[in-house]
Amino acid sequence: MITLEMMPPLMFGGLVLSMLIGFPVAFTLAAVGLSFGFLSIHLGFFDMNFLQAIPGRIFGSVLSNELLLAIPFFTFMGAILERCGLAEDMLDSMGQLFGPIRGGLGYSVIIVGFILGAITGTVAAQVIAMALISMPVMIRYGYNIRYITGVLAASGTITQLVPPSLVLIVLADQLGKSVGDMYLGAWGPSIFQIILFAGYTFVLGLIKPDHVPPVPVTELTLRGWPLWRKCLMGIIPSAVLIFVVLGTMMLGLATPTEAGAMGAVGAIVLAAIHSKDFSNKGRNVLYAGIIACGIGTMVGIFMAQNLIFKIAFAVTYAAVVWVCLEAVRIPELRDLIKQGYESTMRLTCMVVFILIGSTCFSVVFLGVSGGVWLEHLLTSLPGGVWGFLIFINLFIFFLAFFLDFFEIAFIILPMVAPIAQKILTPVVGADAALIWFGVMLCVNMQTSFLHPPFGFALFYLRGVAPKSVKSSDIYWGAVPWIGLQMIMVVLVIAFPVTVTALLDKPLNADLNKVRIDIPQVELPPLDFNEPSKFK
């Protein structure tokens, strides 16, 4: 006889078994959830009315969730920027800038990976673009092949941690926290991780200088101001797009969905600027829009939002519309936009179906007291808070061998988030507990793209690498970078301030002792005499 206490572990076992068979995850979640739901009804654990919560949560928490609308916008933005020529220009200019330094091409890949991560948000686009551009150059100048494959894969996965990452949006939604706070918490670890990557390259240059040789000065085609100009032409538009997406969100001027929509339009504008077929008239209109935007911003800061402010931004919006129409006019960009729509539709459908399946599973899991079982399991671990964090991170690390980050976020997080809130609150406070936990898991889940057997970044590299590059070199090349990412996980666990430093400090005040003094205003005495009669 199956008891109620046996149901939660049986559900987990059934889920793992179904996934090992190879059934699609979204349908596996729904099938396991509904199967155990009907079994629970048969055994009397709950009745049929309980399952009405499934369509209620699907239509109330999934399909009507405005935050999840940001996912297609950011996906579309990444799909456009991956093929618009921005990565090529930045890698070429950065490679020539850092090339004469030992390990300079590695530094350029790491820096460009960080910048692209802040404007694309997609691993596939980043790894493929950088591998196609940088791998032949690094091979030609004698870089160690395992270092090449490792740095390209790792620099591509940094996009999962650098805002505006899709992972952070999903984590914020599943943890019930603000996307802006999640982004603020992720900045510290993302910068420290770049420092770790660059530090490994520097140390490798000292220990094994033949693995990361400098590029001969005679091979450089640009020097001086032309080189700096090309670098700035790639960095400045990217910085503007980053501000449009992240800055407006951090300043409270836009919601994540609105910022994503502006980023999608900005990606089309950036693609048009980098197109060789962009007309001179369109370029002049763009310059006029930039000038008008500057004037409107200055007027808005130092003066009231008057008629000049409105006219200036009307000109800016008209310029943006003109540039977007120019992009549609260019056949190459028109095809690019169409491909962006298609890839966005595929990813969005996948996310929604996984969410629906995970809702079916989680409702039934909670109905058979799975939350109580899981809380008892995790709170009874030795080591208290640190034992809980070590266990969860090891568990997520091994799950990432087989599951995508979307699947991990939608299946595991809703179950462990209440427990994490309870356990971590004494360490960093109630407001920052889930932010710290979410960023920590985001750093951890980067490894899912690097380690076998389903390291997607390795598959992307294998698909675009020359046949002379062995698969063993790709897999072994990723090992040191997985170690660096795990070191970053340890640093985030040991030093929560890496996440919480930029967050708003909690208000340490006893609201029961707050007293508000309202000054008394003396009013003239009321006159209750009869009104005088006018003659």
Protein backbone atom coordinates (compact mmCIF):
# COMPACT_ATOMS: atom_id res chain seq x y z
CA MET A 1 0.00 0.00 0.00
CA ILE A 2 1.37 3.39 -1.00
CA THR A 3 1.31 5.89 1.89
CA LEU A 4 1.29 9.69 1.68
CA GLU A 5 4.90 9.84 2.90
CA MET A 6 6.00 7.70 -0.05
CA MET A 7 4.45 9.91 -2.73
CA PRO A 8 7.03 12.77 -2.94
CA PRO A 9 10.09 10.51 -3.42
CA LEU A 10 8.10 8.38 -5.87
CA MET A 11 7.24 11.49 -7.90
CA PHE A 12 10.91 12.45 -8.07
CA GLY A 13 11.87 8.93 -9.06
CA GLY A 14 9.22 8.84 -11.79
CA LEU A 15 10.40 12.19 -13.12
CA VAL A 16 14.04 11.06 -13.30
CA LEU A 17 13.09 7.75 -14.94
CA SER A 18 10.97 9.50 -17.59
CA MET A 19 13.78 11.92 -18.39
CA LEU A 20 16.30 9.10 -18.73
CA ILE A 21 14.02 7.50 -21.31
CA GLY A 22 14.40 10.67 -23.37
CA PHE A 23 10.84 11.96 -23.30
CA PRO A 24 10.62 15.78 -23.78
CA VAL A 25 10.90 17.53 -20.42
CA ALA A 26 7.79 19.73 -20.74
CA PHE A 27 5.54 16.76 -21.48
CA THR A 28 7.35 14.59 -18.92
CA LEU A 29 6.53 17.08 -16.17
CA ALA A 30 2.87 17.24 -17.14
CA ALA A 31 2.54 13.47 -17.58
CA VAL A 32 4.19 12.62 -14.24
CA GLY A 33 2.21 15.30 -12.42
CA LEU A 34 -1.17 14.26 -13.80
CA SER A 35 -0.44 10.54 -13.40
CA PHE A 36 0.41 10.92 -9.72
CA GLY A 37 -2.52 13.32 -9.37
CA PHE A 38 -5.01 10.68 -10.51
CA LEU A 39 -3.23 8.08 -8.38
CA SER A 40 -3.58 10.37 -5.34
CA ILE A 41 -7.29 10.81 -6.05
CA HIS A 42 -7.67 7.02 -6.27
CA LEU A 43 -5.82 6.59 -2.95
CA GLY A 44 -7.88 9.34 -1.30
CA PHE A 45 -5.09 11.84 -0.62
CA PHE A 46 -7.22 14.60 -2.24
CA ASP A 47 -10.27 14.79 -4.49
CA MET A 48 -10.80 15.89 -8.09
CA ASN A 49 -11.55 19.47 -7.05
CA PHE A 50 -7.94 19.89 -5.97
CA LEU A 51 -6.74 19.59 -9.58
CA GLN A 52 -8.73 22.70 -10.47
CA ALA A 53 -5.74 24.61 -9.11
CA ILE A 54 -3.72 23.57 -12.20
CA PRO A 55 -5.68 25.54 -14.85
CA GLY A 56 -6.09 28.36 -12.33
CA ARG A 57 -2.33 28.70 -11.89
CA ILE A 58 -1.61 28.23 -15.60
CA PHE A 59 -3.93 31.06 -16.63
CA GLY A 60 -3.32 33.17 -13.54
CA SER A 61 0.45 32.81 -12.99
CA VAL A 62 1.90 31.73 -16.33
CA LEU A 63 -0.03 33.01 -19.34
CA SER A 64 -0.94 36.33 -17.69
CA ASN A 65 2.51 36.93 -16.15
CA GLU A 66 3.68 40.29 -17.51
CA LEU A 67 7.25 39.70 -16.37
CA LEU A 68 7.61 36.70 -18.69
CA LEU A 69 6.79 39.01 -21.62
CA ALA A 70 10.36 40.28 -21.28
CA ILE A 71 11.72 36.90 -22.45
CA PRO A 72 10.68 37.20 -26.14
CA PHE A 73 11.96 40.79 -26.28
CA PHE A 74 15.41 39.89 -24.94
CA THR A 75 15.52 36.77 -27.10
CA PHE A 76 14.74 38.81 -30.20
CA MET A 77 17.40 41.36 -29.23
CA GLY A 78 20.03 38.63 -28.94
CA ALA A 79 18.97 36.99 -32.21
CA ILE A 80 19.43 40.29 -34.09
CA LEU A 81 22.76 41.24 -32.52
CA GLU A 82 24.35 37.83 -33.03
CA ARG A 83 24.51 38.31 -36.83
CA CYS A 84 24.58 42.08 -37.32
CA GLY A 85 28.38 42.42 -37.48
CA LEU A 86 28.87 43.97 -34.05
CA ALA A 87 30.78 40.98 -32.66
CA GLU A 88 33.10 40.89 -35.67
CA ASP A 89 34.01 44.57 -35.36
CA MET A 90 34.58 44.39 -31.63
CA LEU A 91 36.67 41.21 -31.73
CA ASP A 92 38.81 42.56 -34.56
CA SER A 93 39.47 45.90 -32.87
CA MET A 94 40.01 44.42 -29.40
CA GLY A 95 42.26 41.72 -30.82
CA GLN A 96 44.48 44.33 -32.46
CA LEU A 97 44.46 46.46 -29.30
CA PHE A 98 45.49 43.65 -26.91
CA GLY A 99 47.20 41.39 -29.48
CA PRO A 100 50.84 42.47 -28.79
CA ILE A 101 50.40 41.46 -25.11
CA ARG A 102 51.00 37.83 -24.11
CA GLY A 103 47.52 36.31 -23.98
CA GLY A 104 46.10 39.42 -25.64
CA LEU A 105 43.69 37.55 -27.91
CA GLY A 106 42.35 35.72 -24.87
CA TYR A 107 41.80 39.02 -23.05
CA SER A 108 39.96 40.39 -26.09
CA VAL A 109 37.65 37.34 -26.20
CA ILE A 110 36.90 37.69 -22.46
CA ILE A 111 36.17 41.45 -22.67
CA VAL A 112 34.05 41.16 -25.81
CA GLY A 113 32.21 38.20 -24.25
CA PHE A 114 31.36 40.39 -21.26
CA ILE A 115 30.14 43.28 -23.44
CA LEU A 116 28.14 41.01 -25.74
CA GLY A 117 26.69 39.28 -22.69
CA ALA A 118 25.29 42.63 -21.53
CA ILE A 119 23.50 43.24 -24.84
CA THR A 120 22.58 39.81 -26.22
CA GLY A 121 21.73 37.50 -23.34
CA THR A 122 22.02 34.28 -25.40
CA VAL A 123 24.80 31.70 -25.12
CA ALA A 124 24.40 30.12 -28.55
CA ALA A 125 24.75 33.42 -30.41
CA GLN A 126 27.79 34.45 -28.43
CA VAL A 127 29.74 31.18 -28.58
CA ILE A 128 29.13 30.65 -32.30
CA ALA A 129 29.92 34.25 -33.30
CA MET A 130 33.13 34.43 -31.28
CA ALA A 131 34.29 30.97 -32.33
CA LEU A 132 33.80 31.69 -36.05
CA ILE A 133 35.73 34.95 -35.77
CA SER A 134 38.43 34.32 -33.16
CA MET A 135 39.27 30.62 -33.40
CA PRO A 136 41.02 30.77 -36.82
CA VAL A 137 43.01 33.84 -35.71
CA MET A 138 44.09 32.27 -32.41
CA ILE A 139 45.06 29.03 -34.16
CA ARG A 140 47.08 30.97 -36.74
CA TYR A 141 49.13 32.73 -34.06
CA GLY A 142 49.94 29.54 -32.16
CA TYR A 143 47.59 29.58 -29.17
CA ASN A 144 47.10 26.27 -27.38
CA ILE A 145 44.01 24.60 -28.81
CA ARG A 146 42.61 23.62 -25.40
CA TYR A 147 42.97 27.18 -24.15
CA ILE A 148 41.21 28.41 -27.31
CA THR A 149 38.21 26.13 -26.91
CA GLY A 150 37.99 26.76 -23.17
CA VAL A 151 38.13 30.55 -23.30
CA LEU A 152 35.61 30.73 -26.16
CA ALA A 153 33.11 28.47 -24.41
CA ALA A 154 33.51 30.11 -20.99
CA SER A 155 33.31 33.66 -22.33
CA GLY A 156 30.13 32.72 -24.13
CA THR A 157 28.50 31.35 -20.99
CA ILE A 158 29.18 34.55 -19.00
CA THR A 159 26.11 35.94 -20.76
CA GLN A 160 23.98 33.85 -18.36
CA LEU A 161 25.20 35.95 -15.42
CA VAL A 162 25.66 39.42 -16.93
CA PRO A 163 22.43 41.49 -16.94
CA PRO A 164 20.10 41.48 -18.88
CA SER A 165 20.31 37.70 -18.71
CA LEU A 166 17.26 35.57 -19.46
CA VAL A 167 18.29 33.31 -16.58
CA LEU A 168 18.06 36.22 -14.12
CA ILE A 169 14.60 37.15 -15.41
CA VAL A 170 13.38 33.56 -14.95
CA LEU A 171 15.01 33.34 -11.51
CA ALA A 172 13.41 36.61 -10.43
CA ASP A 173 10.00 35.35 -11.55
CA GLN A 174 10.31 31.97 -9.85
CA LEU A 175 11.68 33.48 -6.62
CA GLY A 176 9.13 36.28 -6.55
CA LYS A 177 11.76 39.03 -6.49
CA SER A 178 12.35 42.20 -8.48
CA VAL A 179 14.26 41.81 -11.75
CA GLY A 180 16.08 45.07 -11.01
CA ASP A 181 17.31 43.74 -7.66
CA MET A 182 18.38 40.49 -9.28
CA TYR A 183 20.37 42.46 -11.86
CA LEU A 184 22.00 44.59 -9.15
CA GLY A 185 22.98 41.47 -7.25
CA ALA A 186 24.51 39.84 -10.35
CA TRP A 187 26.85 42.71 -11.25
CA GLY A 188 29.40 41.92 -8.54
CA PRO A 189 29.84 38.20 -9.32
CA SER A 190 29.88 38.84 -13.09
CA ILE A 191 32.72 41.37 -12.76
CA PHE A 192 34.65 39.13 -10.36
CA GLN A 193 34.24 36.21 -12.76
CA ILE A 194 35.73 38.24 -15.60
CA ILE A 195 38.65 39.07 -13.29
CA LEU A 196 39.08 35.35 -12.56
CA PHE A 197 39.10 34.52 -16.28
CA ALA A 198 41.62 37.26 -17.03
CA GLY A 199 43.74 36.23 -14.02
CA TYR A 200 43.88 32.63 -15.26
CA THR A 201 45.03 33.87 -18.67
CA PHE A 202 47.70 36.03 -17.02
CA VAL A 203 49.00 33.18 -14.86
CA LEU A 204 49.02 30.83 -17.86
CA GLY A 205 51.09 33.40 -19.73
CA LEU A 206 53.67 33.32 -16.91
CA ILE A 207 53.76 29.54 -16.46
CA LYS A 208 53.36 28.43 -20.09
CA PRO A 209 54.04 31.45 -22.31
CA ASP A 210 53.99 29.29 -25.45
CA HIS A 211 50.27 28.58 -24.88
CA VAL A 212 49.26 32.25 -25.21
CA PRO A 213 51.89 33.97 -27.40
CA PRO A 214 51.64 37.66 -28.37
CA VAL A 215 50.68 38.70 -31.89
CA PRO A 216 53.68 40.11 -33.81
CA VAL A 217 53.48 43.89 -34.17
CA THR A 218 54.09 43.54 -37.90
CA GLU A 219 50.75 41.68 -38.21
CA LEU A 220 48.67 44.60 -36.94
CA THR A 221 46.73 46.48 -39.62
CA LEU A 222 45.54 49.36 -37.42
CA ARG A 223 47.45 51.55 -34.97
CA GLY A 224 46.99 54.77 -33.09
CA TRP A 225 43.77 56.77 -33.45
CA PRO A 226 42.24 54.61 -36.25
CA LEU A 227 42.48 51.59 -33.93
CA TRP A 228 40.98 53.46 -30.97
CA ARG A 229 38.26 54.87 -33.22
CA LYS A 230 37.23 51.39 -34.33
CA CYS A 231 37.18 50.19 -30.70
CA LEU A 232 35.02 53.13 -29.64
CA MET A 233 32.65 52.63 -32.59
CA GLY A 234 31.89 49.17 -31.20
CA ILE A 235 31.85 50.07 -27.49
CA ILE A 236 29.86 53.34 -27.50
CA PRO A 237 26.74 52.04 -29.34
CA SER A 238 26.84 48.94 -27.11
CA ALA A 239 27.08 51.13 -24.00
CA VAL A 240 24.10 53.19 -25.18
CA LEU A 241 22.05 50.03 -25.73
CA ILE A 242 23.07 48.71 -22.30
CA PHE A 243 21.87 51.96 -20.72
CA VAL A 244 18.62 51.89 -22.68
CA VAL A 245 17.92 48.39 -21.41
CA LEU A 246 19.48 48.33 -17.94
CA GLY A 247 19.78 52.00 -17.05
CA THR A 248 16.09 52.75 -17.55
CA MET A 249 15.22 49.71 -15.46
CA MET A 250 17.61 50.59 -12.63
CA LEU A 251 16.40 54.21 -12.55
CA GLY A 252 12.80 53.06 -12.36
CA LEU A 253 11.91 54.61 -15.70
CA ALA A 254 10.82 51.33 -17.28
CA THR A 255 9.60 47.89 -16.30
CA PRO A 256 11.60 44.83 -17.47
CA THR A 257 9.10 44.28 -20.28
CA GLU A 258 9.32 47.91 -21.43
CA ALA A 259 13.12 47.84 -21.21
CA GLY A 260 13.17 44.64 -23.26
CA ALA A 261 10.95 46.25 -25.91
CA MET A 262 13.31 49.23 -26.12
CA GLY A 263 16.24 46.82 -26.35
CA ALA A 264 14.59 44.99 -29.26
CA VAL A 265 14.12 48.27 -31.14
CA GLY A 266 17.66 49.31 -30.20
CA ALA A 267 19.02 46.05 -31.62
CA ILE A 268 17.37 46.79 -34.98
CA VAL A 269 18.87 50.30 -34.94
CA LEU A 270 22.31 48.90 -34.07
CA ALA A 271 22.06 46.33 -36.85
CA ALA A 272 21.12 49.04 -39.35
CA ILE A 273 24.10 51.19 -38.28
CA HIS A 274 26.51 48.30 -38.86
CA SER A 275 25.05 47.45 -42.27
CA LYS A 276 27.15 48.48 -45.27
CA ASP A 277 23.92 49.33 -47.12
CA PHE A 278 22.78 51.91 -44.56
CA SER A 279 22.10 55.10 -46.57
CA ASN A 280 23.67 58.50 -45.95
CA LYS A 281 20.20 59.99 -45.50
CA GLY A 282 19.47 57.44 -42.79
CA ARG A 283 22.79 58.24 -41.11
CA ASN A 284 21.99 61.97 -41.12
CA VAL A 285 18.54 61.29 -39.65
CA LEU A 286 20.21 59.18 -36.95
CA TYR A 287 22.63 62.02 -36.09
CA ALA A 288 19.66 64.43 -35.89
CA GLY A 289 17.89 62.03 -33.53
CA ILE A 290 20.98 61.73 -31.32
CA ILE A 291 21.33 65.53 -31.11
CA ALA A 292 17.62 65.92 -30.36
CA CYS A 293 17.85 63.25 -27.64
CA GLY A 294 20.75 65.12 -26.04
CA ILE A 295 18.86 68.41 -26.12
CA GLY A 296 15.73 66.82 -24.68
CA THR A 297 17.72 65.13 -21.90
CA MET A 298 19.43 68.39 -20.90
CA VAL A 299 16.12 70.27 -20.90
CA GLY A 300 14.50 67.53 -18.82
CA ILE A 301 17.32 67.60 -16.25
CA PHE A 302 17.75 71.36 -15.80
CA MET A 303 14.30 72.66 -16.75
CA ALA A 304 10.69 71.57 -16.65
CA GLN A 305 9.39 69.23 -19.34
CA ASN A 306 8.23 72.02 -21.59
CA LEU A 307 7.47 72.26 -25.32
CA ILE A 308 11.17 72.04 -26.27
CA PHE A 309 11.47 68.75 -24.37
CA LYS A 310 8.47 67.27 -26.18
CA ILE A 311 9.63 68.45 -29.63
CA ALA A 312 13.17 67.09 -29.04
CA PHE A 313 11.98 63.60 -28.14
CA ALA A 314 9.40 63.64 -30.92
CA VAL A 315 12.34 64.15 -33.31
CA THR A 316 14.22 61.32 -31.58
CA TYR A 317 11.28 58.91 -31.94
CA ALA A 318 10.85 59.90 -35.60
CA ALA A 319 14.56 59.19 -36.20
CA VAL A 320 14.26 55.75 -34.59
CA VAL A 321 11.24 54.93 -36.77
CA TRP A 322 13.13 56.10 -39.87
CA VAL A 323 16.16 53.90 -39.05
CA CYS A 324 13.88 50.88 -38.43
CA LEU A 325 12.24 51.45 -41.83
CA GLU A 326 15.74 51.63 -43.35
CA ALA A 327 16.49 48.25 -41.76
CA VAL A 328 13.35 46.76 -43.30
CA ARG A 329 14.33 48.22 -46.68
CA ILE A 330 17.71 46.40 -46.67
CA PRO A 331 17.11 42.77 -47.82
CA GLU A 332 19.85 41.31 -45.62
CA LEU A 333 18.47 42.93 -42.47
CA ARG A 334 14.89 42.05 -43.44
CA ASP A 335 15.88 38.37 -43.55
CA LEU A 336 17.74 38.80 -40.25
CA ILE A 337 14.64 40.24 -38.57
CA LYS A 338 12.55 37.34 -39.91
CA GLN A 339 15.03 34.82 -38.49
CA GLY A 340 14.91 36.69 -35.18
CA TYR A 341 11.13 36.33 -35.08
CA GLU A 342 11.37 32.59 -35.75
CA SER A 343 14.00 31.87 -33.10
CA THR A 344 12.08 34.01 -30.59
CA MET A 345 8.89 32.06 -31.27
CA ARG A 346 10.64 28.71 -30.78
CA LEU A 347 12.27 29.67 -27.48
CA THR A 348 9.13 31.34 -26.11
CA CYS A 349 6.98 28.29 -26.92
CA MET A 350 9.53 26.02 -25.23
CA VAL A 351 9.53 28.17 -22.07
CA VAL A 352 5.72 28.32 -21.89
CA PHE A 353 5.30 24.55 -22.32
CA ILE A 354 7.93 23.85 -19.65
CA LEU A 355 6.13 26.28 -17.34
CA ILE A 356 2.79 24.54 -17.94
CA GLY A 357 4.34 21.13 -17.31
CA SER A 358 6.14 22.29 -14.16
CA THR A 359 2.86 23.78 -12.87
CA CYS A 360 1.13 20.40 -13.23
CA PHE A 361 4.00 18.70 -11.40
CA SER A 362 4.37 21.24 -8.58
CA VAL A 363 0.63 21.46 -7.78
CA VAL A 364 0.38 17.69 -7.33
CA PHE A 365 3.72 17.56 -5.48
CA LEU A 366 2.51 20.12 -2.95
CA GLY A 367 -0.84 18.33 -2.72
CA VAL A 368 0.88 15.16 -1.46
CA SER A 369 2.81 17.17 1.16
CA GLY A 370 5.95 17.30 -0.95
CA GLY A 371 6.82 20.74 0.42
CA VAL A 372 6.83 19.42 4.00
CA TRP A 373 8.91 16.40 2.99
CA LEU A 374 11.44 18.55 1.15
CA GLU A 375 11.67 21.09 3.99
CA HIS A 376 12.32 18.34 6.53
CA LEU A 377 14.96 16.83 4.23
CA LEU A 378 16.84 20.11 3.69
CA THR A 379 16.57 21.57 7.19
CA SER A 380 17.89 18.36 8.77
CA LEU A 381 21.17 18.53 6.82
CA PRO A 382 24.33 18.83 8.95
CA GLY A 383 26.10 22.17 8.92
CA GLY A 384 23.09 24.47 9.14
CA VAL A 385 23.04 27.26 6.58
CA TRP A 386 26.35 26.31 4.99
CA GLY A 387 25.44 22.64 4.81
CA PHE A 388 22.21 23.61 3.05
CA LEU A 389 24.05 25.83 0.54
CA ILE A 390 26.74 23.23 -0.18
CA PHE A 391 24.14 20.48 -0.71
CA ILE A 392 21.91 22.62 -2.96
CA ASN A 393 24.84 23.78 -5.10
CA LEU A 394 26.20 20.26 -5.51
CA PHE A 395 22.68 19.05 -6.34
CA ILE A 396 22.20 21.78 -8.97
CA PHE A 397 25.69 21.12 -10.36
CA PHE A 398 24.90 17.45 -10.98
CA LEU A 399 21.39 18.18 -12.28
CA ALA A 400 22.99 20.50 -14.82
CA PHE A 401 24.70 17.47 -16.38
CA PHE A 402 21.30 16.43 -17.71
CA LEU A 403 18.89 19.39 -17.53
CA ASP A 404 18.76 22.83 -19.12
CA PHE A 405 18.69 25.88 -16.84
CA PHE A 406 15.03 26.56 -17.74
CA GLU A 407 14.09 23.09 -16.55
CA ILE A 408 16.09 23.42 -13.33
CA ALA A 409 14.56 26.84 -12.59
CA PHE A 410 10.97 25.78 -13.22
CA ILE A 411 11.17 22.40 -11.45
CA ILE A 412 13.46 22.93 -8.46
CA LEU A 413 13.21 26.60 -7.52
CA PRO A 414 9.49 26.77 -6.66
CA MET A 415 10.06 23.91 -4.20
CA VAL A 416 13.23 25.13 -2.47
CA ALA A 417 12.59 28.91 -2.52
CA PRO A 418 10.43 28.99 0.67
CA ILE A 419 12.99 26.83 2.48
CA ALA A 420 15.88 29.04 1.28
CA GLN A 421 14.02 32.15 2.45
CA LYS A 422 13.62 30.65 5.92
CA ILE A 423 17.20 29.36 6.25
CA LEU A 424 19.12 32.30 4.69
CA THR A 425 17.22 35.20 6.28
CA PRO A 426 19.37 35.17 9.47
CA VAL A 427 22.52 35.57 7.33
CA VAL A 428 21.67 38.44 4.96
CA GLY A 429 18.18 39.54 5.96
CA ALA A 430 14.75 38.75 4.56
CA ASP A 431 14.96 41.14 1.60
CA ALA A 432 18.33 39.94 0.27
CA ALA A 433 18.03 36.21 1.08
CA LEU A 434 16.46 35.06 -2.19
CA ILE A 435 18.51 37.53 -4.27
CA TRP A 436 21.71 36.02 -2.86
CA PHE A 437 20.34 32.51 -3.38
CA GLY A 438 19.23 33.22 -6.96
CA VAL A 439 22.50 34.81 -8.08
CA MET A 440 24.42 31.97 -6.47
CA LEU A 441 22.44 29.41 -8.46
CA CYS A 442 22.88 31.49 -11.62
CA VAL A 443 26.67 31.32 -11.23
CA ASN A 444 26.35 27.59 -10.65
CA MET A 445 24.07 26.95 -13.64
CA GLN A 446 26.62 28.47 -16.01
CA THR A 447 28.47 25.18 -15.72
CA SER A 448 25.53 23.40 -17.38
CA PHE A 449 26.78 24.82 -20.68
CA LEU A 450 30.33 23.60 -20.18
CA HIS A 451 30.37 20.13 -18.69
CA PRO A 452 29.49 16.85 -20.42
CA PRO A 453 27.38 15.14 -21.53
CA PHE A 454 25.01 17.99 -22.47
CA GLY A 455 27.29 21.04 -22.41
CA PHE A 456 25.57 23.07 -25.13
CA ALA A 457 28.45 25.52 -25.46
CA LEU A 458 30.69 22.55 -26.29
CA PHE A 459 28.20 21.36 -28.91
CA TYR A 460 28.14 24.83 -30.47
CA LEU A 461 31.94 24.85 -30.60
CA ARG A 462 32.03 21.38 -32.12
CA GLY A 463 29.62 22.53 -34.81
CA VAL A 464 31.73 25.49 -35.97
CA ALA A 465 35.28 24.33 -35.14
CA PRO A 466 37.55 23.04 -37.93
CA LYS A 467 37.80 19.26 -38.32
CA SER A 468 41.41 19.46 -37.14
CA VAL A 469 40.15 20.37 -33.64
CA LYS A 470 39.47 17.14 -31.73
CA SER A 471 36.38 16.73 -29.58
CA SER A 472 38.64 15.65 -26.71
CA ASP A 473 40.40 19.02 -26.91
CA ILE A 474 37.05 20.81 -26.65
CA TYR A 475 36.00 18.80 -23.58
CA TRP A 476 39.36 18.94 -21.79
CA GLY A 477 39.71 22.61 -22.64
CA ALA A 478 36.53 23.40 -20.69
CA VAL A 479 37.71 21.74 -17.45
CA PRO A 480 39.84 24.63 -16.03
CA TRP A 481 37.05 27.11 -16.76
CA ILE A 482 34.49 24.94 -14.97
CA GLY A 483 36.88 25.05 -12.01
CA LEU A 484 36.98 28.86 -12.19
CA GLN A 485 33.19 29.02 -12.22
CA MET A 486 33.00 26.75 -9.17
CA ILE A 487 35.54 28.97 -7.41
CA MET A 488 33.15 31.85 -8.12
CA VAL A 489 30.32 29.87 -6.52
CA VAL A 490 32.46 29.36 -3.41
CA LEU A 491 33.26 33.10 -3.28
CA VAL A 492 29.58 34.03 -3.54
CA ILE A 493 28.74 31.58 -0.71
CA ALA A 494 31.62 32.75 1.49
CA PHE A 495 31.17 36.48 0.81
CA PRO A 496 27.48 37.39 0.40
CA VAL A 497 28.53 41.05 0.09
CA THR A 498 29.54 40.32 -3.51
CA VAL A 499 25.80 40.11 -4.19
CA THR A 500 24.26 42.34 -1.55
CA ALA A 501 26.63 45.34 -1.82
CA LEU A 502 24.55 47.16 -4.45
CA LEU A 503 21.16 46.28 -2.99
CA ASP A 504 19.15 48.76 -0.94
CA LYS A 505 19.95 48.46 2.74
CA PRO A 506 17.04 47.15 4.83
CA LEU A 507 15.33 49.60 7.17
CA ASN A 508 16.46 48.63 10.68
CA ALA A 509 13.67 50.28 12.61
CA ASP A 510 10.99 49.05 14.95
CA LEU A 511 7.81 50.29 13.34
CA ASN A 512 5.97 49.87 16.65
CA LYS A 513 8.16 52.58 18.19
CA VAL A 514 7.88 55.08 15.35
CA ARG A 515 6.19 58.30 16.46
CA ILE A 516 5.00 60.96 14.05
CA ASP A 517 4.64 64.43 15.55
CA ILE A 518 2.24 66.70 13.71
CA PRO A 519 2.62 70.37 14.61
CA GLN A 520 -0.54 71.90 16.01
CA VAL A 521 -1.86 74.88 14.09
CA GLU A 522 -3.79 77.42 16.13
CA LEU A 523 -7.04 78.32 14.40
CA PRO A 524 -9.01 81.50 15.14
CA PRO A 525 -11.96 80.98 17.48
CA LEU A 526 -15.23 80.17 15.82
CA ASP A 527 -17.85 82.87 15.84
CA PHE A 528 -21.25 81.39 16.68
CA ASN A 529 -23.07 84.74 16.74
CA GLU A 530 -25.88 85.38 14.33
CA PRO A 531 -24.72 86.87 11.05
CA SER A 532 -25.10 90.60 10.85
CA LYS A 533 -27.97 91.87 8.74
CA PHE A 534 -27.18 94.26 5.94
CA LYS A 535 -29.44 97.18 5.59
